[in-house]
């Protein structure tokens, strides 16, 4: 979605994944909220996205749905999108490797990594606590709640490389973003605007963040 405009990679490998707990419950929750007419905020990478959005759209319930609730991470992703649109092909021929580390209870590939790239050559999932500490540098006290992402671009001849990285310890960043999304949605419900389904980009563009 973002880097594919710059990379022009051929024969990319697309991953299929199970989203664990999120996949089991996000659609059920959306159907419940839609049925009873309750506006909601949902941060998930799981489930059938098409069904999720259709369920909400058909019900005309207001909702914020986003794979990433961290405001700063969303802003980083938006910056990457802008770079891809304004400088297409800037990284043509470069190879891309992605490494992401989350707590061992997370079963699926990071939705954030998927948002940064829609096709990629290799993604390395780190779920082993020993590797997380020794290789990734995750503080031991945050092994059960962290999100580290590393993107490494390398030129065809290997002489030039670029790295993008964002690391999150704990979950406060997601809670803060969720509160902003709730305040944003409450305002939209009150205004009774035509648009019903929003994401965190909409929340950021609105401003007035905590």
C-alpha atoms as a PDB file:
ATOM      1  CA  UNK A   1       0.000   0.000   0.000  1.00  0.00           C
ATOM      2  CA  UNK A   2       2.829   2.398   0.800  1.00  0.00           C
ATOM      3  CA  UNK A   3       6.177   0.959  -0.183  1.00  0.00           C
ATOM      4  CA  UNK A   4       4.948  -0.917  -3.246  1.00  0.00           C
ATOM      5  CA  UNK A   5       4.854   2.385  -5.174  1.00  0.00           C
ATOM      6  CA  UNK A   6       8.514   2.974  -4.341  1.00  0.00           C
ATOM      7  CA  UNK A   7       9.835  -0.577  -4.487  1.00  0.00           C
ATOM      8  CA  UNK A   8       8.215  -2.046  -7.618  1.00  0.00           C
ATOM      9  CA  UNK A   9       8.972  -5.493  -6.209  1.00  0.00           C
ATOM     10  CA  UNK A  10       8.246  -8.491  -8.389  1.00  0.00           C
ATOM     11  CA  UNK A  11       6.738 -11.788  -7.298  1.00  0.00           C
ATOM     12  CA  UNK A  12       5.983 -10.466  -3.817  1.00  0.00           C
ATOM     13  CA  UNK A  13       4.907 -12.967  -1.200  1.00  0.00           C
ATOM     14  CA  UNK A  14       1.567 -12.161   0.374  1.00  0.00           C
ATOM     15  CA  UNK A  15       0.966 -13.616   3.802  1.00  0.00           C
ATOM     16  CA  UNK A  16      -2.231 -15.152   5.066  1.00  0.00           C
ATOM     17  CA  UNK A  17      -2.717 -15.204   8.777  1.00  0.00           C
ATOM     18  CA  UNK A  18      -5.049 -15.973  11.628  1.00  0.00           C
ATOM     19  CA  UNK A  19      -5.718 -13.066  13.925  1.00  0.00           C
ATOM     20  CA  UNK A  20      -6.263 -15.060  17.085  1.00  0.00           C
ATOM     21  CA  UNK A  21      -8.699 -13.596  19.572  1.00  0.00           C
ATOM     22  CA  UNK A  22      -9.412 -10.510  17.467  1.00  0.00           C
ATOM     23  CA  UNK A  23     -10.508 -12.658  14.541  1.00  0.00           C
ATOM     24  CA  UNK A  24     -12.943 -14.582  16.717  1.00  0.00           C
ATOM     25  CA  UNK A  25     -14.718 -11.653  18.309  1.00  0.00           C
ATOM     26  CA  UNK A  26     -14.430  -8.448  16.270  1.00  0.00           C
ATOM     27  CA  UNK A  27     -17.189  -9.358  13.779  1.00  0.00           C
ATOM     28  CA  UNK A  28     -19.483 -10.624  16.544  1.00  0.00           C
ATOM     29  CA  UNK A  29     -18.965  -7.428  18.516  1.00  0.00           C
ATOM     30  CA  UNK A  30     -19.601  -5.251  15.460  1.00  0.00           C
ATOM     31  CA  UNK A  31     -22.795  -7.149  14.706  1.00  0.00           C
ATOM     32  CA  UNK A  32     -23.972  -6.660  18.294  1.00  0.00           C
ATOM     33  CA  UNK A  33     -23.203  -2.933  18.340  1.00  0.00           C
ATOM     34  CA  UNK A  34     -24.834  -2.511  14.945  1.00  0.00           C
ATOM     35  CA  UNK A  35     -27.940  -4.421  15.996  1.00  0.00           C
ATOM     36  CA  UNK A  36     -28.535  -2.352  19.135  1.00  0.00           C
ATOM     37  CA  UNK A  37     -27.469   0.908  17.455  1.00  0.00           C
ATOM     38  CA  UNK A  38     -24.463   1.716  19.653  1.00  0.00           C
ATOM     39  CA  UNK A  39     -21.632   3.813  18.149  1.00  0.00           C
ATOM     40  CA  UNK A  40     -18.259   2.174  18.803  1.00  0.00           C
ATOM     41  CA  UNK A  41     -14.495   2.393  18.459  1.00  0.00           C
ATOM     42  CA  UNK A  42     -12.696  -0.780  17.389  1.00  0.00           C
ATOM     43  CA  UNK A  43      -8.961  -1.310  17.041  1.00  0.00           C
ATOM     44  CA  UNK A  44      -8.282  -4.664  15.401  1.00  0.00           C
ATOM     45  CA  UNK A  45      -6.345  -6.340  12.606  1.00  0.00           C
ATOM     46  CA  UNK A  46      -8.475  -9.471  12.688  1.00  0.00           C
ATOM     47  CA  UNK A  47     -11.538 -10.925  11.090  1.00  0.00           C
ATOM     48  CA  UNK A  48     -13.175 -10.454   7.710  1.00  0.00           C
ATOM     49  CA  UNK A  49     -12.613  -6.753   7.005  1.00  0.00           C
ATOM     50  CA  UNK A  50     -15.103  -6.615   4.141  1.00  0.00           C
ATOM     51  CA  UNK A  51     -17.817  -8.185   6.291  1.00  0.00           C
ATOM     52  CA  UNK A  52     -16.934  -5.908   9.195  1.00  0.00           C
ATOM     53  CA  UNK A  53     -17.322  -2.728   7.161  1.00  0.00           C
ATOM     54  CA  UNK A  54     -20.458  -3.958   5.396  1.00  0.00           C
ATOM     55  CA  UNK A  55     -22.085  -4.853   8.706  1.00  0.00           C
ATOM     56  CA  UNK A  56     -21.457  -1.372  10.074  1.00  0.00           C
ATOM     57  CA  UNK A  57     -22.360   0.431   6.848  1.00  0.00           C
ATOM     58  CA  UNK A  58     -25.679  -1.408   6.540  1.00  0.00           C
ATOM     59  CA  UNK A  59     -26.610  -0.544  10.125  1.00  0.00           C
ATOM     60  CA  UNK A  60     -25.785   3.168   9.724  1.00  0.00           C
ATOM     61  CA  UNK A  61     -24.085   3.117  13.125  1.00  0.00           C
ATOM     62  CA  UNK A  62     -21.206   5.572  13.628  1.00  0.00           C
ATOM     63  CA  UNK A  63     -17.855   3.898  14.248  1.00  0.00           C
ATOM     64  CA  UNK A  64     -14.107   4.396  14.264  1.00  0.00           C
ATOM     65  CA  UNK A  65     -12.391   1.255  12.958  1.00  0.00           C
ATOM     66  CA  UNK A  66      -8.614   1.133  12.694  1.00  0.00           C
ATOM     67  CA  UNK A  67      -5.880  -1.512  12.746  1.00  0.00           C
ATOM     68  CA  UNK A  68      -3.728   0.904  14.762  1.00  0.00           C
ATOM     69  CA  UNK A  69      -4.896   3.157  17.612  1.00  0.00           C
ATOM     70  CA  UNK A  70      -1.567   4.788  18.480  1.00  0.00           C
ATOM     71  CA  UNK A  71      -1.786   8.379  17.202  1.00  0.00           C
ATOM     72  CA  UNK A  72       1.941   8.806  16.662  1.00  0.00           C
ATOM     73  CA  UNK A  73       2.256   5.506  14.822  1.00  0.00           C
ATOM     74  CA  UNK A  74      -0.696   6.431  12.600  1.00  0.00           C
ATOM     75  CA  UNK A  75       0.981   9.758  11.840  1.00  0.00           C
ATOM     76  CA  UNK A  76       4.175   7.887  10.879  1.00  0.00           C
ATOM     77  CA  UNK A  77       2.215   5.632   8.536  1.00  0.00           C
ATOM     78  CA  UNK A  78       0.544   8.665   6.975  1.00  0.00           C
ATOM     79  CA  UNK A  79       3.960  10.241   6.388  1.00  0.00           C
ATOM     80  CA  UNK A  80       5.122   7.084   4.608  1.00  0.00           C
ATOM     81  CA  UNK A  81       1.999   7.164   2.445  1.00  0.00           C
ATOM     82  CA  UNK A  82       2.633  10.791   1.480  1.00  0.00           C
ATOM     83  CA  UNK A  83       6.247   9.977   0.608  1.00  0.00           C
ATOM     84  CA  UNK A  84       5.149   7.098  -1.597  1.00  0.00           C
ATOM     85  CA  UNK A  85       2.598   9.246  -3.423  1.00  0.00           C
ATOM     86  CA  UNK A  86       4.869  12.243  -3.969  1.00  0.00           C
ATOM     87  CA  UNK A  87       8.053  10.336  -4.795  1.00  0.00           C
ATOM     88  CA  UNK A  88       6.924   7.161  -6.614  1.00  0.00           C
ATOM     89  CA  UNK A  89       9.749   4.865  -7.637  1.00  0.00           C
ATOM     90  CA  UNK A  90      12.262   6.565  -5.322  1.00  0.00           C
ATOM     91  CA  UNK A  91      13.222   3.149  -3.946  1.00  0.00           C
ATOM     92  CA  UNK A  92      12.698   1.198  -7.162  1.00  0.00           C
ATOM     93  CA  UNK A  93      14.862  -1.923  -7.156  1.00  0.00           C
ATOM     94  CA  UNK A  94      15.475  -1.818  -3.423  1.00  0.00           C
ATOM     95  CA  UNK A  95      14.706  -4.905  -1.362  1.00  0.00           C
ATOM     96  CA  UNK A  96      12.689  -4.604   1.820  1.00  0.00           C
ATOM     97  CA  UNK A  97      12.910  -6.669   4.985  1.00  0.00           C
ATOM     98  CA  UNK A  98      10.508  -6.254   7.862  1.00  0.00           C
ATOM     99  CA  UNK A  99      11.012  -7.464  11.415  1.00  0.00           C
ATOM    100  CA  UNK A 100       8.350  -7.082  14.056  1.00  0.00           C
ATOM    101  CA  UNK A 101       8.275  -8.166  17.673  1.00  0.00           C
ATOM    102  CA  UNK A 102       5.171  -8.443  19.843  1.00  0.00           C
ATOM    103  CA  UNK A 103       4.265 -10.260  23.028  1.00  0.00           C
ATOM    104  CA  UNK A 104       4.104 -14.015  22.536  1.00  0.00           C
ATOM    105  CA  UNK A 105       0.302 -14.025  22.942  1.00  0.00           C
ATOM    106  CA  UNK A 106      -0.084 -12.146  19.639  1.00  0.00           C
ATOM    107  CA  UNK A 107      -0.623 -14.826  17.008  1.00  0.00           C
ATOM    108  CA  UNK A 108      -0.987 -12.785  13.832  1.00  0.00           C
ATOM    109  CA  UNK A 109       1.324 -10.655  11.730  1.00  0.00           C
ATOM    110  CA  UNK A 110       1.329  -7.027  12.854  1.00  0.00           C
ATOM    111  CA  UNK A 111      -1.427  -4.945  11.280  1.00  0.00           C
ATOM    112  CA  UNK A 112       0.905  -1.956  11.408  1.00  0.00           C
ATOM    113  CA  UNK A 113       3.514  -3.744   9.310  1.00  0.00           C
ATOM    114  CA  UNK A 114       0.781  -4.732   6.878  1.00  0.00           C
ATOM    115  CA  UNK A 115      -0.343  -1.116   6.670  1.00  0.00           C
ATOM    116  CA  UNK A 116       3.168   0.025   5.800  1.00  0.00           C
ATOM    117  CA  UNK A 117       3.595  -2.536   3.054  1.00  0.00           C
ATOM    118  CA  UNK A 118       1.030  -4.387   0.995  1.00  0.00           C
ATOM    119  CA  UNK A 119       3.623  -6.692  -0.550  1.00  0.00           C
ATOM    120  CA  UNK A 120       7.050  -7.568   0.722  1.00  0.00           C
ATOM    121  CA  UNK A 121       9.897 -10.003   0.284  1.00  0.00           C
ATOM    122  CA  UNK A 122      10.295 -11.162   3.840  1.00  0.00           C
ATOM    123  CA  UNK A 123       8.758 -10.489   7.221  1.00  0.00           C
ATOM    124  CA  UNK A 124      10.395 -11.831  10.352  1.00  0.00           C
ATOM    125  CA  UNK A 125       8.094 -12.368  13.305  1.00  0.00           C
ATOM    126  CA  UNK A 126       9.837 -12.409  16.675  1.00  0.00           C
ATOM    127  CA  UNK A 127       7.793 -14.052  19.417  1.00  0.00           C
ATOM    128  CA  UNK A 128      10.508 -15.819  21.448  1.00  0.00           C
ATOM    129  CA  UNK A 129      11.206 -13.829  24.662  1.00  0.00           C
ATOM    130  CA  UNK A 130      14.937 -14.588  24.594  1.00  0.00           C
ATOM    131  CA  UNK A 131      15.278 -13.280  21.033  1.00  0.00           C
ATOM    132  CA  UNK A 132      13.117 -10.288  21.906  1.00  0.00           C
ATOM    133  CA  UNK A 133      15.518  -9.280  24.657  1.00  0.00           C
ATOM    134  CA  UNK A 134      18.830 -10.195  23.015  1.00  0.00           C
ATOM    135  CA  UNK A 135      18.173  -9.461  19.331  1.00  0.00           C
ATOM    136  CA  UNK A 136      15.469  -6.798  19.341  1.00  0.00           C
ATOM    137  CA  UNK A 137      16.272  -5.039  22.605  1.00  0.00           C
ATOM    138  CA  UNK A 138      12.862  -5.278  24.249  1.00  0.00           C
ATOM    139  CA  UNK A 139      13.053  -4.387  27.971  1.00  0.00           C
ATOM    140  CA  UNK A 140      12.282  -7.487  30.029  1.00  0.00           C
ATOM    141  CA  UNK A 141       9.509  -5.718  31.945  1.00  0.00           C
ATOM    142  CA  UNK A 142       7.657  -5.135  28.650  1.00  0.00           C
ATOM    143  CA  UNK A 143       7.844  -8.649  27.208  1.00  0.00           C
ATOM    144  CA  UNK A 144       4.109  -9.104  27.785  1.00  0.00           C
ATOM    145  CA  UNK A 145       3.130  -5.837  26.140  1.00  0.00           C
ATOM    146  CA  UNK A 146       5.193  -4.283  23.357  1.00  0.00           C
ATOM    147  CA  UNK A 147       5.239  -3.579  19.617  1.00  0.00           C
ATOM    148  CA  UNK A 148       8.604  -3.138  17.893  1.00  0.00           C
ATOM    149  CA  UNK A 149       8.759  -2.648  14.106  1.00  0.00           C
ATOM    150  CA  UNK A 150      11.871  -2.381  11.935  1.00  0.00           C
ATOM    151  CA  UNK A 151      11.873  -1.759   8.170  1.00  0.00           C
ATOM    152  CA  UNK A 152      15.173  -2.152   6.302  1.00  0.00           C
ATOM    153  CA  UNK A 153      15.589  -1.057   2.668  1.00  0.00           C
ATOM    154  CA  UNK A 154      18.702  -2.112   0.740  1.00  0.00           C
ATOM    155  CA  UNK A 155      19.896  -0.985  -2.708  1.00  0.00           C
ATOM    156  CA  UNK A 156      20.399  -3.621  -5.436  1.00  0.00           C
ATOM    157  CA  UNK A 157      24.204  -3.562  -5.029  1.00  0.00           C
ATOM    158  CA  UNK A 158      24.029  -3.503  -1.227  1.00  0.00           C
ATOM    159  CA  UNK A 159      25.923  -0.221  -0.869  1.00  0.00           C
ATOM    160  CA  UNK A 160      23.005   1.890   0.382  1.00  0.00           C
ATOM    161  CA  UNK A 161      20.516   1.130   3.132  1.00  0.00           C
ATOM    162  CA  UNK A 162      17.706   2.921   4.937  1.00  0.00           C
ATOM    163  CA  UNK A 163      16.033   1.959   8.198  1.00  0.00           C
ATOM    164  CA  UNK A 164      12.721   3.015   9.703  1.00  0.00           C
ATOM    165  CA  UNK A 165      11.868   1.941  13.219  1.00  0.00           C
ATOM    166  CA  UNK A 166       9.148   2.552  15.784  1.00  0.00           C
ATOM    167  CA  UNK A 167       9.070   0.850  19.179  1.00  0.00           C
ATOM    168  CA  UNK A 168       6.245   0.820  21.696  1.00  0.00           C
ATOM    169  CA  UNK A 169       6.545  -0.459  25.258  1.00  0.00           C
ATOM    170  CA  UNK A 170       3.304  -0.966  27.137  1.00  0.00           C
ATOM    171  CA  UNK A 171      -0.178  -0.083  25.919  1.00  0.00           C
ATOM    172  CA  UNK A 172      -0.752   3.500  27.062  1.00  0.00           C
ATOM    173  CA  UNK A 173      -0.288   4.829  23.508  1.00  0.00           C
ATOM    174  CA  UNK A 174      -3.275   2.763  22.349  1.00  0.00           C
ATOM    175  CA  UNK A 175      -5.428   3.800  25.314  1.00  0.00           C
ATOM    176  CA  UNK A 176      -4.703   7.486  24.670  1.00  0.00           C
ATOM    177  CA  UNK A 177      -5.566   7.112  20.991  1.00  0.00           C
ATOM    178  CA  UNK A 178      -8.763   5.276  21.858  1.00  0.00           C
ATOM    179  CA  UNK A 179      -9.889   8.081  24.170  1.00  0.00           C
ATOM    180  CA  UNK A 180      -9.296  10.607  21.382  1.00  0.00           C
ATOM    181  CA  UNK A 181     -11.257   8.395  18.979  1.00  0.00           C
ATOM    182  CA  UNK A 182     -14.173   8.199  21.426  1.00  0.00           C
ATOM    183  CA  UNK A 183     -14.272  11.992  21.865  1.00  0.00           C
ATOM    184  CA  UNK A 184     -14.044  12.418  18.084  1.00  0.00           C
ATOM    185  CA  UNK A 185     -16.876   9.943  17.470  1.00  0.00           C
ATOM    186  CA  UNK A 186     -19.108  11.510  20.116  1.00  0.00           C
ATOM    187  CA  UNK A 187     -18.759  14.835  18.291  1.00  0.00           C
ATOM    188  CA  UNK A 188     -19.615  13.240  14.939  1.00  0.00           C
ATOM    189  CA  UNK A 189     -22.669  11.502  16.370  1.00  0.00           C
ATOM    190  CA  UNK A 190     -23.911  14.808  17.782  1.00  0.00           C
ATOM    191  CA  UNK A 191     -23.407  16.570  14.449  1.00  0.00           C
ATOM    192  CA  UNK A 192     -25.245  13.750  12.626  1.00  0.00           C
ATOM    193  CA  UNK A 193     -22.875  13.900   9.673  1.00  0.00           C
ATOM    194  CA  UNK A 194     -23.457  11.838   6.548  1.00  0.00           C
ATOM    195  CA  UNK A 195     -20.189   9.914   6.876  1.00  0.00           C
ATOM    196  CA  UNK A 196     -20.550   7.068   9.369  1.00  0.00           C
ATOM    197  CA  UNK A 197     -17.347   5.016   9.344  1.00  0.00           C
ATOM    198  CA  UNK A 198     -14.061   6.680  10.270  1.00  0.00           C
ATOM    199  CA  UNK A 199     -10.477   5.652  10.972  1.00  0.00           C
ATOM    200  CA  UNK A 200      -7.612   7.094  13.013  1.00  0.00           C
ATOM    201  CA  UNK A 201      -6.477   9.257  10.094  1.00  0.00           C
ATOM    202  CA  UNK A 202      -9.821  11.045  10.359  1.00  0.00           C
ATOM    203  CA  UNK A 203      -9.238  11.491  14.083  1.00  0.00           C
ATOM    204  CA  UNK A 204      -5.784  12.996  13.493  1.00  0.00           C
ATOM    205  CA  UNK A 205      -7.046  15.350  10.793  1.00  0.00           C
ATOM    206  CA  UNK A 206      -9.743  16.658  13.096  1.00  0.00           C
ATOM    207  CA  UNK A 207      -7.116  17.896  15.570  1.00  0.00           C
ATOM    208  CA  UNK A 208      -8.051  18.773  19.160  1.00  0.00           C
ATOM    209  CA  UNK A 209      -6.118  15.743  20.395  1.00  0.00           C
ATOM    210  CA  UNK A 210      -5.419  15.182  24.070  1.00  0.00           C
END
